[in-house]
PDB file of N, CA and C in Angstrom:
ATOM      1  N   MET A   1       0.848  -1.175   0.000  1.00  0.00           N
ATOM      2  CA  MET A   1       0.000   0.000   0.000  1.00  0.00           C
ATOM      3  C   MET A   1       0.888   1.232   0.000  1.00  0.00           C
ATOM      4  N   ASN A   2       0.718   2.111  -0.963  1.00  0.00           N
ATOM      5  CA  ASN A   2       1.495   3.339  -1.058  1.00  0.00           C
ATOM      6  C   ASN A   2       0.764   4.551  -0.501  1.00  0.00           C
ATOM      7  N   THR A   3      -0.449   4.357  -0.042  1.00  0.00           N
ATOM      8  CA  THR A   3      -1.250   5.466   0.468  1.00  0.00           C
ATOM      9  C   THR A   3      -0.613   6.038   1.718  1.00  0.00           C
ATOM     10  N   LYS A   4      -0.517   7.365   1.769  1.00  0.00           N
ATOM     11  CA  LYS A   4       0.029   8.043   2.939  1.00  0.00           C
ATOM     12  C   LYS A   4      -1.064   8.698   3.755  1.00  0.00           C
ATOM     13  N   LEU A   5      -2.242   8.847   3.190  1.00  0.00           N
ATOM     14  CA  LEU A   5      -3.339   9.535   3.867  1.00  0.00           C
ATOM     15  C   LEU A   5      -4.646   8.813   3.591  1.00  0.00           C
ATOM     16  N   ILE A   6      -5.365   8.536   4.653  1.00  0.00           N
ATOM     17  CA  ILE A   6      -6.700   7.951   4.528  1.00  0.00           C
ATOM     18  C   ILE A   6      -7.650   8.902   5.244  1.00  0.00           C
ATOM     19  N   ILE A   7      -8.686   9.338   4.561  1.00  0.00           N
ATOM     20  CA  ILE A   7      -9.661  10.262   5.135  1.00  0.00           C
ATOM     21  C   ILE A   7     -11.004   9.544   5.243  1.00  0.00           C
ATOM     22  N   VAL A   8     -11.616   9.637   6.410  1.00  0.00           N
ATOM     23  CA  VAL A   8     -12.935   9.062   6.629  1.00  0.00           C
ATOM     24  C   VAL A   8     -13.907  10.219   6.814  1.00  0.00           C
ATOM     25  N   GLU A   9     -14.828  10.383   5.893  1.00  0.00           N
ATOM     26  CA  GLU A   9     -15.802  11.479   5.909  1.00  0.00           C
ATOM     27  C   GLU A   9     -17.211  10.923   5.897  1.00  0.00           C
ATOM     28  N   CYS A  10     -18.097  11.551   6.635  1.00  0.00           N
ATOM     29  CA  CYS A  10     -19.512  11.203   6.606  1.00  0.00           C
ATOM     30  C   CYS A  10     -20.268  12.120   7.562  1.00  0.00           C
ATOM     31  N   ILE A  11     -21.538  11.882   7.719  1.00  0.00           N
ATOM     32  CA  ILE A  11     -22.365  12.716   8.583  1.00  0.00           C
ATOM     33  C   ILE A  11     -22.078  12.404  10.060  1.00  0.00           C
ATOM     34  N   PRO A  12     -22.391  13.352  10.968  1.00  0.00           N
ATOM     35  CA  PRO A  12     -22.174  13.117  12.391  1.00  0.00           C
ATOM     36  C   PRO A  12     -22.919  11.871  12.887  1.00  0.00           C
ATOM     37  N   GLY A  13     -22.242  11.109  13.735  1.00  0.00           N
ATOM     38  CA  GLY A  13     -22.865   9.933  14.338  1.00  0.00           C
ATOM     39  C   GLY A  13     -22.884   8.702  13.459  1.00  0.00           C
ATOM     40  N   SER A  14     -22.195   8.750  12.343  1.00  0.00           N
ATOM     41  CA  SER A  14     -22.249   7.634  11.396  1.00  0.00           C
ATOM     42  C   SER A  14     -21.186   6.564  11.645  1.00  0.00           C
ATOM     43  N   GLY A  15     -20.263   6.822  12.588  1.00  0.00           N
ATOM     44  CA  GLY A  15     -19.236   5.826  12.885  1.00  0.00           C
ATOM     45  C   GLY A  15     -17.862   6.143  12.320  1.00  0.00           C
ATOM     46  N   LYS A  16     -17.609   7.402  12.020  1.00  0.00           N
ATOM     47  CA  LYS A  16     -16.302   7.781  11.467  1.00  0.00           C
ATOM     48  C   LYS A  16     -15.166   7.443  12.424  1.00  0.00           C
ATOM     49  N   THR A  17     -15.323   7.792  13.694  1.00  0.00           N
ATOM     50  CA  THR A  17     -14.275   7.540  14.682  1.00  0.00           C
ATOM     51  C   THR A  17     -14.053   6.043  14.852  1.00  0.00           C
ATOM     52  N   THR A  18     -15.119   5.277  14.922  1.00  0.00           N
ATOM     53  CA  THR A  18     -15.006   3.819  15.045  1.00  0.00           C
ATOM     54  C   THR A  18     -14.289   3.239  13.836  1.00  0.00           C
ATOM     55  N   THR A  19     -14.667   3.685  12.657  1.00  0.00           N
ATOM     56  CA  THR A  19     -14.048   3.190  11.427  1.00  0.00           C
ATOM     57  C   THR A  19     -12.578   3.573  11.353  1.00  0.00           C
ATOM     58  N   ALA A  20     -12.274   4.832  11.661  1.00  0.00           N
ATOM     59  CA  ALA A  20     -10.887   5.301  11.606  1.00  0.00           C
ATOM     60  C   ALA A  20     -10.019   4.564  12.621  1.00  0.00           C
ATOM     61  N   THR A  21     -10.568   4.309  13.806  1.00  0.00           N
ATOM     62  CA  THR A  21      -9.831   3.575  14.838  1.00  0.00           C
ATOM     63  C   THR A  21      -9.568   2.142  14.389  1.00  0.00           C
ATOM     64  N   TYR A  22     -10.547   1.519  13.767  1.00  0.00           N
ATOM     65  CA  TYR A  22     -10.378   0.164  13.232  1.00  0.00           C
ATOM     66  C   TYR A  22      -9.260   0.144  12.177  1.00  0.00           C
ATOM     67  N   ILE A  23      -9.303   1.099  11.260  1.00  0.00           N
ATOM     68  CA  ILE A  23      -8.274   1.162  10.208  1.00  0.00           C
ATOM     69  C   ILE A  23      -6.896   1.335  10.836  1.00  0.00           C
ATOM     70  N   LYS A  24      -6.797   2.219  11.809  1.00  0.00           N
ATOM     71  CA  LYS A  24      -5.514   2.463  12.488  1.00  0.00           C
ATOM     72  C   LYS A  24      -4.972   1.180  13.110  1.00  0.00           C
ATOM     73  N   HIS A  25      -5.805   0.499  13.895  1.00  0.00           N
ATOM     74  CA  HIS A  25      -5.353  -0.730  14.544  1.00  0.00           C
ATOM     75  C   HIS A  25      -4.992  -1.813  13.526  1.00  0.00           C
ATOM     76  N   HIS A  26      -5.771  -1.905  12.472  1.00  0.00           N
ATOM     77  CA  HIS A  26      -5.509  -2.896  11.427  1.00  0.00           C
ATOM     78  C   HIS A  26      -4.143  -2.639  10.776  1.00  0.00           C
ATOM     79  N   LEU A  27      -3.853  -1.394  10.452  1.00  0.00           N
ATOM     80  CA  LEU A  27      -2.563  -1.064   9.827  1.00  0.00           C
ATOM     81  C   LEU A  27      -1.404  -1.264  10.794  1.00  0.00           C
ATOM     82  N   GLU A  28      -1.633  -0.973  12.067  1.00  0.00           N
ATOM     83  CA  GLU A  28      -0.585  -1.192  13.076  1.00  0.00           C
ATOM     84  C   GLU A  28      -0.256  -2.675  13.219  1.00  0.00           C
ATOM     85  N   GLU A  29      -1.242  -3.538  13.007  1.00  0.00           N
ATOM     86  CA  GLU A  29      -0.987  -4.982  13.047  1.00  0.00           C
ATOM     87  C   GLU A  29       0.006  -5.410  11.974  1.00  0.00           C
ATOM     88  N   TYR A  30       0.087  -4.629  10.903  1.00  0.00           N
ATOM     89  CA  TYR A  30       1.053  -4.888   9.833  1.00  0.00           C
ATOM     90  C   TYR A  30       2.387  -4.191  10.089  1.00  0.00           C
ATOM     91  N   GLY A  31       2.515  -3.592  11.270  1.00  0.00           N
ATOM     92  CA  GLY A  31       3.773  -2.954  11.639  1.00  0.00           C
ATOM     93  C   GLY A  31       3.944  -1.540  11.120  1.00  0.00           C
ATOM     94  N   LEU A  32       2.877  -0.951  10.629  1.00  0.00           N
ATOM     95  CA  LEU A  32       2.975   0.411  10.112  1.00  0.00           C
ATOM     96  C   LEU A  32       2.850   1.428  11.244  1.00  0.00           C
ATOM     97  N   ASN A  33       3.573   2.524  11.112  1.00  0.00           N
ATOM     98  CA  ASN A  33       3.479   3.630  12.053  1.00  0.00           C
ATOM     99  C   ASN A  33       2.306   4.505  11.620  1.00  0.00           C
ATOM    100  N   VAL A  34       1.266   4.561  12.438  1.00  0.00           N
ATOM    101  CA  VAL A  34       0.018   5.221  12.060  1.00  0.00           C
ATOM    102  C   VAL A  34      -0.328   6.320  13.060  1.00  0.00           C
ATOM    103  N   LYS A  35      -0.799   7.435  12.550  1.00  0.00           N
ATOM    104  CA  LYS A  35      -1.293   8.512  13.402  1.00  0.00           C
ATOM    105  C   LYS A  35      -2.755   8.768  13.055  1.00  0.00           C
ATOM    106  N   LEU A  36      -3.574   8.857  14.078  1.00  0.00           N
ATOM    107  CA  LEU A  36      -4.999   9.124  13.891  1.00  0.00           C
ATOM    108  C   LEU A  36      -5.289  10.548  14.349  1.00  0.00           C
ATOM    109  N   TYR A  37      -5.780  11.370  13.452  1.00  0.00           N
ATOM    110  CA  TYR A  37      -6.151  12.752  13.765  1.00  0.00           C
ATOM    111  C   TYR A  37      -7.658  12.876  13.641  1.00  0.00           C
ATOM    112  N   GLN A  38      -8.299  13.272  14.715  1.00  0.00           N
ATOM    113  CA  GLN A  38      -9.741  13.461  14.684  1.00  0.00           C
ATOM    114  C   GLN A  38     -10.058  14.936  14.470  1.00  0.00           C
ATOM    115  N   GLU A  39     -11.209  15.185  13.885  1.00  0.00           N
ATOM    116  CA  GLU A  39     -11.652  16.546  13.627  1.00  0.00           C
ATOM    117  C   GLU A  39     -11.701  17.343  14.926  1.00  0.00           C
ATOM    118  N   GLY A  40     -11.187  18.567  14.867  1.00  0.00           N
ATOM    119  CA  GLY A  40     -11.178  19.414  16.042  1.00  0.00           C
ATOM    120  C   GLY A  40      -9.931  19.274  16.888  1.00  0.00           C
ATOM    121  N   ASN A  41      -9.109  18.280  16.589  1.00  0.00           N
ATOM    122  CA  ASN A  41      -7.853  18.086  17.307  1.00  0.00           C
ATOM    123  C   ASN A  41      -6.887  19.181  16.871  1.00  0.00           C
ATOM    124  N   THR A  42      -6.380  19.964  17.824  1.00  0.00           N
ATOM    125  CA  THR A  42      -5.508  21.079  17.451  1.00  0.00           C
ATOM    126  C   THR A  42      -4.185  20.621  16.856  1.00  0.00           C
ATOM    127  N   GLY A  43      -3.861  19.351  17.002  1.00  0.00           N
ATOM    128  CA  GLY A  43      -2.656  18.818  16.382  1.00  0.00           C
ATOM    129  C   GLY A  43      -2.879  18.314  14.972  1.00  0.00           C
ATOM    130  N   HIS A  44      -4.105  18.383  14.502  1.00  0.00           N
ATOM    131  CA  HIS A  44      -4.460  17.901  13.163  1.00  0.00           C
ATOM    132  C   HIS A  44      -3.704  18.714  12.119  1.00  0.00           C
ATOM    133  N   PRO A  45      -3.020  18.054  11.190  1.00  0.00           N
ATOM    134  CA  PRO A  45      -2.199  18.787  10.221  1.00  0.00           C
ATOM    135  C   PRO A  45      -2.985  19.532   9.148  1.00  0.00           C
ATOM    136  N   ALA A  46      -4.275  19.289   9.028  1.00  0.00           N
ATOM    137  CA  ALA A  46      -5.021  19.931   7.946  1.00  0.00           C
ATOM    138  C   ALA A  46      -6.371  20.481   8.374  1.00  0.00           C
ATOM    139  N   ASP A  47      -6.724  20.398   9.627  1.00  0.00           N
ATOM    140  CA  ASP A  47      -8.049  20.834  10.081  1.00  0.00           C
ATOM    141  C   ASP A  47      -7.976  22.214  10.710  1.00  0.00           C
ATOM    142  N   TYR A  48      -7.960  23.241   9.887  1.00  0.00           N
ATOM    143  CA  TYR A  48      -7.884  24.605  10.391  1.00  0.00           C
ATOM    144  C   TYR A  48      -9.119  25.416  10.044  1.00  0.00           C
ATOM    145  N   GLU A  49     -10.153  24.757   9.591  1.00  0.00           N
ATOM    146  CA  GLU A  49     -11.378  25.469   9.237  1.00  0.00           C
ATOM    147  C   GLU A  49     -11.987  26.147  10.450  1.00  0.00           C
ATOM    148  N   PHE A  50     -11.976  25.467  11.589  1.00  0.00           N
ATOM    149  CA  PHE A  50     -12.581  26.012  12.796  1.00  0.00           C
ATOM    150  C   PHE A  50     -11.565  26.225  13.905  1.00  0.00           C
ATOM    151  N   THR A  51     -10.323  25.840  13.690  1.00  0.00           N
ATOM    152  CA  THR A  51      -9.311  25.935  14.720  1.00  0.00           C
ATOM    153  C   THR A  51      -8.059  26.577  14.147  1.00  0.00           C
ATOM    154  N   ALA A  52      -7.566  27.595  14.817  1.00  0.00           N
ATOM    155  CA  ALA A  52      -6.304  28.212  14.434  1.00  0.00           C
ATOM    156  C   ALA A  52      -5.471  28.355  15.693  1.00  0.00           C
ATOM    157  N   CYS A  53      -4.228  27.984  15.617  1.00  0.00           N
ATOM    158  CA  CYS A  53      -3.334  28.087  16.765  1.00  0.00           C
ATOM    159  C   CYS A  53      -2.259  29.115  16.452  1.00  0.00           C
ATOM    160  N   LEU A  54      -2.224  30.137  17.262  1.00  0.00           N
ATOM    161  CA  LEU A  54      -1.268  31.221  17.070  1.00  0.00           C
ATOM    162  C   LEU A  54      -0.473  31.418  18.347  1.00  0.00           C
ATOM    163  N   ASN A  55       0.756  31.883  18.195  1.00  0.00           N
ATOM    164  CA  ASN A  55       1.480  32.282  19.386  1.00  0.00           C
ATOM    165  C   ASN A  55       1.104  33.740  19.699  1.00  0.00           C
ATOM    166  N   GLN A  56       1.577  34.256  20.813  1.00  0.00           N
ATOM    167  CA  GLN A  56       1.199  35.607  21.250  1.00  0.00           C
ATOM    168  C   GLN A  56       1.586  36.672  20.218  1.00  0.00           C
ATOM    169  N   THR A  57       2.750  36.531  19.624  1.00  0.00           N
ATOM    170  CA  THR A  57       3.204  37.502  18.623  1.00  0.00           C
ATOM    171  C   THR A  57       2.291  37.502  17.410  1.00  0.00           C
ATOM    172  N   GLN A  58       1.923  36.328  16.930  1.00  0.00           N
ATOM    173  CA  GLN A  58       1.037  36.227  15.770  1.00  0.00           C
ATOM    174  C   GLN A  58      -0.331  36.839  16.066  1.00  0.00           C
ATOM    175  N   LEU A  59      -0.850  36.587  17.265  1.00  0.00           N
ATOM    176  CA  LEU A  59      -2.144  37.160  17.637  1.00  0.00           C
ATOM    177  C   LEU A  59      -2.064  38.686  17.672  1.00  0.00           C
ATOM    178  N   ARG A  60      -1.017  39.220  18.262  1.00  0.00           N
ATOM    179  CA  ARG A  60      -0.854  40.683  18.297  1.00  0.00           C
ATOM    180  C   ARG A  60      -0.790  41.267  16.890  1.00  0.00           C
ATOM    181  N   GLU A  61      -0.090  40.579  15.983  1.00  0.00           N
ATOM    182  CA  GLU A  61       0.014  41.050  14.594  1.00  0.00           C
ATOM    183  C   GLU A  61      -1.362  41.104  13.933  1.00  0.00           C
ATOM    184  N   ILE A  62      -2.174  40.093  14.152  1.00  0.00           N
ATOM    185  CA  ILE A  62      -3.511  40.059  13.564  1.00  0.00           C
ATOM    186  C   ILE A  62      -4.384  41.163  14.160  1.00  0.00           C
ATOM    187  N   LEU A  63      -4.311  41.331  15.469  1.00  0.00           N
ATOM    188  CA  LEU A  63      -5.106  42.385  16.115  1.00  0.00           C
ATOM    189  C   LEU A  63      -4.691  43.760  15.636  1.00  0.00           C
ATOM    190  N   THR A  64      -3.408  43.952  15.386  1.00  0.00           N
ATOM    191  CA  THR A  64      -2.908  45.233  14.864  1.00  0.00           C
ATOM    192  C   THR A  64      -3.349  45.438  13.422  1.00  0.00           C
ATOM    193  N   LYS A  65      -3.301  44.372  12.634  1.00  0.00           N
ATOM    194  CA  LYS A  65      -3.657  44.456  11.216  1.00  0.00           C
ATOM    195  C   LYS A  65      -5.155  44.701  11.013  1.00  0.00           C
ATOM    196  N   TYR A  66      -5.990  44.185  11.920  1.00  0.00           N
ATOM    197  CA  TYR A  66      -7.438  44.304  11.795  1.00  0.00           C
ATOM    198  C   TYR A  66      -8.042  44.947  13.046  1.00  0.00           C
ATOM    199  N   PRO A  67      -7.759  46.232  13.265  1.00  0.00           N
ATOM    200  CA  PRO A  67      -8.216  46.888  14.496  1.00  0.00           C
ATOM    201  C   PRO A  67      -9.736  46.930  14.642  1.00  0.00           C
ATOM    202  N   LYS A  68     -10.456  47.018  13.558  1.00  0.00           N
ATOM    203  CA  LYS A  68     -11.925  47.080  13.637  1.00  0.00           C
ATOM    204  C   LYS A  68     -12.533  45.746  14.064  1.00  0.00           C
ATOM    205  N   GLU A  69     -11.806  44.655  13.877  1.00  0.00           N
ATOM    206  CA  GLU A  69     -12.310  43.327  14.214  1.00  0.00           C
ATOM    207  C   GLU A  69     -11.764  42.802  15.543  1.00  0.00           C
ATOM    208  N   GLN A  70     -11.036  43.638  16.288  1.00  0.00           N
ATOM    209  CA  GLN A  70     -10.403  43.183  17.527  1.00  0.00           C
ATOM    210  C   GLN A  70     -11.401  42.575  18.515  1.00  0.00           C
ATOM    211  N   ASP A  71     -12.527  43.244  18.713  1.00  0.00           N
ATOM    212  CA  ASP A  71     -13.513  42.723  19.667  1.00  0.00           C
ATOM    213  C   ASP A  71     -14.032  41.355  19.246  1.00  0.00           C
ATOM    214  N   LEU A  72     -14.319  41.200  17.961  1.00  0.00           N
ATOM    215  CA  LEU A  72     -14.807  39.923  17.445  1.00  0.00           C
ATOM    216  C   LEU A  72     -13.739  38.832  17.576  1.00  0.00           C
ATOM    217  N   ILE A  73     -12.513  39.172  17.227  1.00  0.00           N
ATOM    218  CA  ILE A  73     -11.419  38.197  17.334  1.00  0.00           C
ATOM    219  C   ILE A  73     -11.231  37.771  18.783  1.00  0.00           C
ATOM    220  N   ARG A  74     -11.228  38.737  19.689  1.00  0.00           N
ATOM    221  CA  ARG A  74     -11.041  38.420  21.112  1.00  0.00           C
ATOM    222  C   ARG A  74     -12.209  37.585  21.656  1.00  0.00           C
ATOM    223  N   LYS A  75     -13.408  37.829  21.145  1.00  0.00           N
ATOM    224  CA  LYS A  75     -14.584  37.079  21.595  1.00  0.00           C
ATOM    225  C   LYS A  75     -14.419  35.581  21.329  1.00  0.00           C
ATOM    226  N   TYR A  76     -13.788  35.239  20.215  1.00  0.00           N
ATOM    227  CA  TYR A  76     -13.649  33.834  19.834  1.00  0.00           C
ATOM    228  C   TYR A  76     -12.231  33.290  20.045  1.00  0.00           C
ATOM    229  N   THR A  77     -11.449  33.978  20.842  1.00  0.00           N
ATOM    230  CA  THR A  77     -10.096  33.545  21.126  1.00  0.00           C
ATOM    231  C   THR A  77     -10.037  32.891  22.499  1.00  0.00           C
ATOM    232  N   LYS A  78      -9.404  31.747  22.538  1.00  0.00           N
ATOM    233  CA  LYS A  78      -9.234  31.027  23.798  1.00  0.00           C
ATOM    234  C   LYS A  78      -7.735  30.769  23.978  1.00  0.00           C
ATOM    235  N   GLU A  79      -7.219  31.204  25.091  1.00  0.00           N
ATOM    236  CA  GLU A  79      -5.803  31.023  25.362  1.00  0.00           C
ATOM    237  C   GLU A  79      -5.554  29.631  25.927  1.00  0.00           C
ATOM    238  N   LYS A  80      -4.581  28.977  25.372  1.00  0.00           N
ATOM    239  CA  LYS A  80      -4.196  27.651  25.840  1.00  0.00           C
ATOM    240  C   LYS A  80      -2.850  27.793  26.550  1.00  0.00           C
ATOM    241  N   VAL A  81      -2.810  27.332  27.772  1.00  0.00           N
ATOM    242  CA  VAL A  81      -1.585  27.388  28.550  1.00  0.00           C
ATOM    243  C   VAL A  81      -1.048  25.973  28.675  1.00  0.00           C
ATOM    244  N   ASP A  82       0.183  25.774  28.198  1.00  0.00           N
ATOM    245  CA  ASP A  82       0.806  24.451  28.304  1.00  0.00           C
ATOM    246  C   ASP A  82       1.255  24.239  29.738  1.00  0.00           C
ATOM    247  N   SER A  83       1.010  23.040  30.228  1.00  0.00           N
ATOM    248  CA  SER A  83       1.441  22.742  31.600  1.00  0.00           C
ATOM    249  C   SER A  83       2.582  21.767  31.632  1.00  0.00           C
TER     250      SER A  83
END
């Protein structure tokens, strides 16, 4: 198998997570190194439609660039503190 990416798409509640987990375990049984990224996971390499991760400098740059939207941006900004 030369595939590097497998995407499981469907409607909510249809079993995407169950299916993706099955595929992951099945491929691991063959000794493959597999990573499972679920939608909404901030570590997801391609899921930025609803999630954006910025450092403090990047956030300040955006707030400076779009001063009229600062209140809206701040309303939907959640700070993540690494422990």
